[in-house]
Amino acid sequence: MTMSMGSWVLCFVVAIGAVPHQTLAQSLSSTLGATKLDGLKNFAECQNQTVGYQENLIADRLDAKLAKSTALTAAERDVWAGDIRALRQVAPGRPFKAPDAKNPQHYLMGLTDDEQVAINSMNIRFVQEVNLACEHKYGGMTRYSPGSDQSGQARYEQQLRDKMGKVVDIASVPVGPLPSPFPKSAAEVAAEKKAAQEASRKAMMQQFNSCADAAKGLRLSIMADHLQRNLDNAHGLSVKERADFEADIKATRDSAAKGLEQVEPVDPSNPYRAMSRLTTQDQIDIATEFGKQYSERMANCTRR
């Protein structure tokens, strides 16, 4: 059986759980090629019964909750009352107009998940029932051909009955007070989440930089230890040579304490004298030890 445009739209609406705010302007007859425009007009007007139904269900529930909301301030009560008025004004040709354009779905914040499930199920069932009634009254090409077989329309209407979903009556859901203060909108929640992520990122960077600052001078400290071992193993040094060596070690440790990357030379005319006391293997060992200790320090520091 070929399905009408109006019925197809309905099935789509039911499938996604949306609220149909536009009339379903065609019946099975139009899909099959009927051209009786009065029938199409009547069918569309019949479907208009669904417009505003869900909004009124929501308004009724918010009204009941508002009566129990003793913790609300006068300003908060006015906002909820404005939502209720706007919901009740929905009618054919008059879509919902939010009191606050910046927060057009504020009214949904007053409903619990169970309330939304119940209202959606009631609205879907109502739309299905209206569609079936309209099909029965105005649908089907054969009604415009006296004496013709209308069994196809009858089968189609039975299919609509078979597809009707389960209803959860909103009356079965306990009525509680509206939230106070107002729950945050999706935009506010998203903005706060973004701000929290940015704050977390900055805190992590600050922590990392602080840990990196604390590790400054580590390489020179390791270098000073290698210089000291080399001095301890040195033989045949003159008093001046030993004094110069010790001065280079002290300069290296002092530079490490200052967090410097390079040794402040004892003899400016020979700025790399301390480094020259290291063999190639010493420098490799220093680099390896620095990499290991630096990684360990940063890992321990950033976990705090």
Protein backbone atom coordinates (compact mmCIF):
# COMPACT_ATOMS: atom_id res chain seq x y z
CA MET A 1 0.00 0.00 0.00
CA THR A 2 1.41 3.35 -0.98
CA MET A 3 1.78 5.67 2.01
CA SER A 4 0.55 9.27 1.95
CA MET A 5 2.87 12.25 2.30
CA GLY A 6 1.11 13.22 5.53
CA SER A 7 1.42 9.68 6.89
CA TRP A 8 5.06 9.48 5.85
CA VAL A 9 5.81 12.73 7.66
CA LEU A 10 4.00 11.39 10.71
CA CYS A 11 6.01 8.18 10.76
CA PHE A 12 9.18 10.24 10.48
CA VAL A 13 8.08 12.44 13.35
CA VAL A 14 7.24 9.41 15.48
CA ALA A 15 10.54 7.78 14.67
CA ILE A 16 12.61 10.72 15.86
CA GLY A 17 10.33 11.69 18.73
CA ALA A 18 9.96 15.24 17.45
CA VAL A 19 6.98 17.53 17.86
CA PRO A 20 5.15 18.22 14.60
CA HIS A 21 4.63 21.98 14.38
CA GLN A 22 3.45 21.95 10.81
CA THR A 23 0.25 20.53 9.41
CA LEU A 24 0.32 17.32 7.47
CA ALA A 25 -1.27 18.55 4.30
CA GLN A 26 -1.66 15.40 2.24
CA SER A 27 -3.49 12.10 2.62
CA LEU A 28 -3.19 8.75 0.99
CA SER A 29 -5.49 9.98 -1.76
CA SER A 30 -3.10 12.70 -2.89
CA THR A 31 -0.24 10.23 -3.18
CA LEU A 32 -2.43 7.99 -5.31
CA GLY A 33 -3.28 10.87 -7.63
CA ALA A 34 -6.54 12.30 -6.28
CA THR A 35 -6.99 15.93 -7.21
CA LYS A 36 -10.00 16.91 -5.10
CA LEU A 37 -8.50 19.98 -3.43
CA ASP A 38 -11.32 20.31 -0.91
CA GLY A 39 -10.37 16.92 0.50
CA LEU A 40 -6.74 17.93 0.85
CA LYS A 41 -7.73 21.17 2.57
CA ASN A 42 -10.02 19.32 4.97
CA PHE A 43 -7.29 16.78 5.70
CA ALA A 44 -4.75 19.52 6.46
CA GLU A 45 -7.16 21.37 8.72
CA CYS A 46 -7.98 18.13 10.48
CA GLN A 47 -4.29 17.58 11.23
CA ASN A 48 -4.07 21.05 12.77
CA GLN A 49 -5.61 19.58 15.91
CA THR A 50 -2.14 18.41 16.89
CA VAL A 51 -0.59 21.89 16.87
CA GLY A 52 -0.01 23.09 20.41
CA TYR A 53 -0.96 19.80 22.06
CA GLN A 54 2.50 19.03 23.38
CA GLU A 55 3.07 22.63 24.42
CA ASN A 56 -0.11 22.53 26.47
CA LEU A 57 0.96 19.30 28.13
CA ILE A 58 4.23 20.97 29.10
CA ALA A 59 2.43 24.11 30.27
CA ASP A 60 0.08 22.04 32.45
CA ARG A 61 3.00 20.23 34.07
CA LEU A 62 4.96 23.43 34.66
CA ASP A 63 1.85 25.03 36.14
CA ALA A 64 1.44 22.13 38.55
CA LYS A 65 5.10 22.32 39.51
CA LEU A 66 4.99 26.09 39.91
CA ALA A 67 2.25 25.66 42.51
CA LYS A 68 4.66 23.54 44.58
CA SER A 69 7.70 25.76 44.10
CA THR A 70 7.80 27.68 47.37
CA ALA A 71 11.57 28.29 47.12
CA LEU A 72 11.35 30.40 43.97
CA THR A 73 11.95 34.12 44.09
CA ALA A 74 9.37 36.45 42.56
CA ALA A 75 11.62 37.02 39.56
CA GLU A 76 12.05 33.29 39.03
CA ARG A 77 8.30 32.72 39.25
CA ASP A 78 7.77 35.40 36.61
CA VAL A 79 10.15 33.66 34.22
CA TRP A 80 8.40 30.29 34.58
CA ALA A 81 5.01 31.97 34.26
CA GLY A 82 6.20 33.63 31.04
CA ASP A 83 7.22 30.23 29.67
CA ILE A 84 3.79 28.81 30.52
CA ARG A 85 1.97 31.68 28.80
CA ALA A 86 4.10 31.34 25.68
CA LEU A 87 3.49 27.59 25.52
CA ARG A 88 -0.27 28.01 25.80
CA GLN A 89 -0.31 30.52 22.92
CA VAL A 90 0.90 27.96 20.36
CA ALA A 91 -1.78 27.36 17.72
CA PRO A 92 -2.02 26.68 13.97
CA GLY A 93 -0.12 29.45 12.24
CA ARG A 94 1.25 30.67 15.57
CA PRO A 95 4.45 28.82 16.51
CA PHE A 96 6.08 28.97 19.92
CA LYS A 97 7.73 32.31 20.64
CA ALA A 98 10.16 32.13 23.52
CA PRO A 99 10.02 34.94 26.10
CA ASP A 100 13.83 34.91 26.08
CA ALA A 101 15.21 34.51 22.57
CA LYS A 102 18.66 33.79 23.99
CA ASN A 103 17.33 30.76 25.85
CA PRO A 104 14.44 29.51 23.71
CA GLN A 105 14.11 26.11 25.42
CA HIS A 106 14.28 27.31 28.98
CA TYR A 107 10.95 25.61 29.72
CA LEU A 108 12.55 22.18 29.19
CA MET A 109 14.79 22.84 32.17
CA GLY A 110 11.72 22.62 34.36
CA LEU A 111 10.99 19.03 33.32
CA THR A 112 12.63 15.89 34.61
CA ASP A 113 13.69 13.13 32.21
CA ASP A 114 10.67 11.04 33.25
CA GLU A 115 8.33 13.97 32.60
CA GLN A 116 9.77 14.56 29.15
CA VAL A 117 9.47 10.87 28.28
CA ALA A 118 5.83 10.82 29.38
CA ILE A 119 4.90 14.02 27.53
CA ASN A 120 6.66 12.89 24.35
CA SER A 121 4.86 9.53 24.43
CA MET A 122 1.49 11.21 24.95
CA ASN A 123 2.11 13.65 22.13
CA ILE A 124 3.22 10.93 19.72
CA ARG A 125 0.12 8.87 20.51
CA PHE A 126 -2.16 11.89 20.10
CA VAL A 127 -0.61 12.71 16.73
CA GLN A 128 -1.09 9.09 15.66
CA GLU A 129 -4.73 9.10 16.76
CA VAL A 130 -5.46 12.39 15.00
CA ASN A 131 -3.78 11.19 11.84
CA LEU A 132 -5.84 8.00 11.89
CA ALA A 133 -9.07 9.95 12.45
CA CYS A 134 -8.23 12.32 9.60
CA GLU A 135 -7.38 9.45 7.28
CA HIS A 136 -10.63 7.75 8.16
CA LYS A 137 -12.63 10.89 7.51
CA TYR A 138 -10.79 12.48 4.58
CA GLY A 139 -8.12 10.08 3.29
CA GLY A 140 -8.18 7.70 0.37
CA MET A 141 -8.77 8.35 -3.29
CA THR A 142 -11.56 5.79 -3.47
CA ARG A 143 -13.92 7.84 -1.29
CA TYR A 144 -14.26 10.21 -4.23
CA SER A 145 -15.36 7.33 -6.50
CA PRO A 146 -18.78 6.09 -5.33
CA GLY A 147 -19.12 2.33 -5.36
CA SER A 148 -15.38 1.67 -5.64
CA ASP A 149 -13.46 -0.78 -3.45
CA GLN A 150 -12.14 1.01 -0.34
CA SER A 151 -10.42 -2.01 1.17
CA GLY A 152 -6.98 -0.47 0.51
CA GLN A 153 -7.79 2.54 2.67
CA ALA A 154 -9.13 0.24 5.37
CA ARG A 155 -5.90 -1.77 5.37
CA TYR A 156 -3.85 1.41 5.54
CA GLU A 157 -5.83 2.66 8.54
CA GLN A 158 -5.29 -0.68 10.25
CA GLN A 159 -1.55 -0.31 9.69
CA LEU A 160 -1.71 3.07 11.44
CA ARG A 161 -3.52 1.46 14.39
CA ASP A 162 -0.91 -1.30 14.60
CA LYS A 163 1.92 1.23 14.76
CA MET A 164 0.57 3.16 17.70
CA GLY A 165 3.14 3.25 20.49
CA LYS A 166 2.91 2.77 24.23
CA VAL A 167 1.83 5.78 26.27
CA VAL A 168 3.27 6.86 29.61
CA ASP A 169 0.67 9.05 31.30
CA ILE A 170 2.21 12.20 32.74
CA ALA A 171 -0.20 11.82 35.66
CA SER A 172 1.81 8.76 36.71
CA VAL A 173 4.91 10.91 37.26
CA PRO A 174 5.06 12.63 40.68
CA VAL A 175 4.87 16.42 40.62
CA GLY A 176 7.82 18.15 42.24
CA PRO A 177 8.91 21.80 42.51
CA LEU A 178 10.69 23.68 39.77
CA PRO A 179 14.44 24.07 40.19
CA SER A 180 15.82 27.08 42.02
CA PRO A 181 18.06 28.75 41.14
CA PHE A 182 17.50 28.28 37.44
CA PRO A 183 19.41 25.38 35.91
CA LYS A 184 22.07 26.44 33.48
CA SER A 185 21.35 26.48 29.77
CA ALA A 186 23.26 24.28 27.33
CA ALA A 187 25.21 27.33 26.17
CA GLU A 188 26.14 28.23 29.75
CA VAL A 189 27.19 24.66 30.50
CA ALA A 190 29.31 24.57 27.33
CA ALA A 191 30.91 27.92 28.18
CA GLU A 192 31.71 26.79 31.71
CA LYS A 193 33.16 23.52 30.42
CA LYS A 194 35.35 25.41 27.96
CA ALA A 195 36.48 27.82 30.69
CA ALA A 196 37.27 24.90 33.00
CA GLN A 197 39.29 23.18 30.29
CA GLU A 198 41.20 26.39 29.58
CA ALA A 199 41.87 26.90 33.29
CA SER A 200 43.05 23.29 33.57
CA ARG A 201 45.32 23.74 30.56
CA LYS A 202 46.83 26.91 32.03
CA ALA A 203 47.31 25.22 35.41
CA MET A 204 49.08 22.30 33.74
CA MET A 205 51.33 24.67 31.81
CA GLN A 206 52.13 26.61 34.97
CA GLN A 207 52.90 23.38 36.78
CA PHE A 208 55.08 22.19 33.91
CA ASN A 209 56.96 25.49 33.75
CA SER A 210 57.43 25.46 37.50
CA CYS A 211 58.84 21.94 37.36
CA ALA A 212 61.08 22.88 34.44
CA ASP A 213 62.37 25.89 36.37
CA ALA A 214 63.16 23.65 39.36
CA ALA A 215 65.19 21.39 37.07
CA LYS A 216 67.32 24.22 35.73
CA GLY A 217 70.98 23.72 36.57
CA LEU A 218 70.61 19.94 36.71
CA ARG A 219 72.95 19.36 33.78
CA LEU A 220 75.67 21.56 35.27
CA SER A 221 75.27 19.85 38.63
CA ILE A 222 75.84 16.47 36.98
CA MET A 223 78.76 17.99 35.07
CA ALA A 224 80.30 19.24 38.32
CA ASP A 225 80.11 15.72 39.78
CA HIS A 226 81.98 14.34 36.74
CA LEU A 227 84.59 17.10 37.03
CA GLN A 228 85.08 16.22 40.68
CA ARG A 229 85.60 12.53 39.85
CA ASN A 230 88.10 13.50 37.18
CA LEU A 231 89.98 15.66 39.68
CA ASP A 232 89.96 12.89 42.27
CA ASN A 233 91.47 10.52 39.71
CA ALA A 234 94.02 13.04 38.40
CA HIS A 235 97.70 12.54 39.23
CA GLY A 236 100.74 14.75 38.95
CA LEU A 237 98.91 18.07 39.01
CA SER A 238 100.80 21.13 40.18
CA VAL A 239 99.38 23.24 42.95
CA LYS A 240 98.19 25.84 40.42
CA GLU A 241 96.67 23.23 38.12
CA ARG A 242 94.74 21.68 41.02
CA ALA A 243 93.61 25.11 42.19
CA ASP A 244 92.39 25.98 38.69
CA PHE A 245 90.58 22.64 38.45
CA GLU A 246 88.89 23.19 41.81
CA ALA A 247 87.93 26.73 40.74
CA ASP A 248 86.27 25.35 37.60
CA ILE A 249 84.31 22.81 39.66
CA LYS A 250 83.14 25.53 42.05
CA ALA A 251 82.15 27.78 39.13
CA THR A 252 80.18 24.90 37.63
CA ARG A 253 78.31 24.24 40.90
CA ASP A 254 77.65 27.95 41.43
CA SER A 255 76.27 28.23 37.90
CA ALA A 256 74.08 25.18 38.52
CA ALA A 257 72.71 26.77 41.70
CA LYS A 258 71.77 29.84 39.68
CA GLY A 259 69.88 27.70 37.15
CA LEU A 260 72.23 28.63 34.32
CA GLU A 261 72.71 26.62 31.16
CA GLN A 262 76.40 27.47 30.79
CA VAL A 263 79.26 27.74 33.28
CA GLU A 264 80.26 31.26 34.26
CA PRO A 265 83.97 31.03 33.44
CA VAL A 266 86.65 31.66 36.02
CA ASP A 267 88.93 32.88 33.24
CA PRO A 268 86.96 34.96 30.69
CA SER A 269 89.79 34.55 28.21
CA ASN A 270 89.23 30.79 28.30
CA PRO A 271 85.42 30.45 28.73
CA TYR A 272 85.34 26.70 27.95
CA ARG A 273 88.11 25.66 30.34
CA ALA A 274 85.76 23.66 32.59
CA MET A 275 84.22 21.84 29.59
CA SER A 276 87.69 21.00 28.25
CA ARG A 277 88.35 18.91 31.37
CA LEU A 278 85.72 16.40 30.16
CA THR A 279 86.35 13.59 27.73
CA THR A 280 83.96 12.75 24.90
CA GLN A 281 82.75 9.78 26.96
CA ASP A 282 82.20 12.09 29.95
CA GLN A 283 79.97 14.29 27.83
CA ILE A 284 78.00 11.29 26.57
CA ASP A 285 77.57 10.01 30.12
CA ILE A 286 76.47 13.44 31.33
CA ALA A 287 73.88 13.74 28.57
CA THR A 288 72.53 10.25 29.33
CA GLU A 289 72.33 10.85 33.07
CA PHE A 290 70.76 14.27 32.57
CA GLY A 291 68.05 12.82 30.30
CA LYS A 292 67.18 10.13 32.86
CA GLN A 293 67.15 12.43 35.90
CA TYR A 294 65.26 15.19 34.08
CA SER A 295 62.51 12.80 32.98
CA GLU A 296 62.15 11.39 36.49
CA ARG A 297 62.05 14.83 38.09
CA MET A 298 59.44 16.15 35.64
CA ALA A 299 57.26 13.05 36.02
CA ASN A 300 57.33 13.25 39.82
CA CYS A 301 56.83 17.00 39.86
CA THR A 302 53.88 17.17 37.44
CA ARG A 303 52.02 14.40 39.31
CA ARG A 304 51.71 16.54 42.42
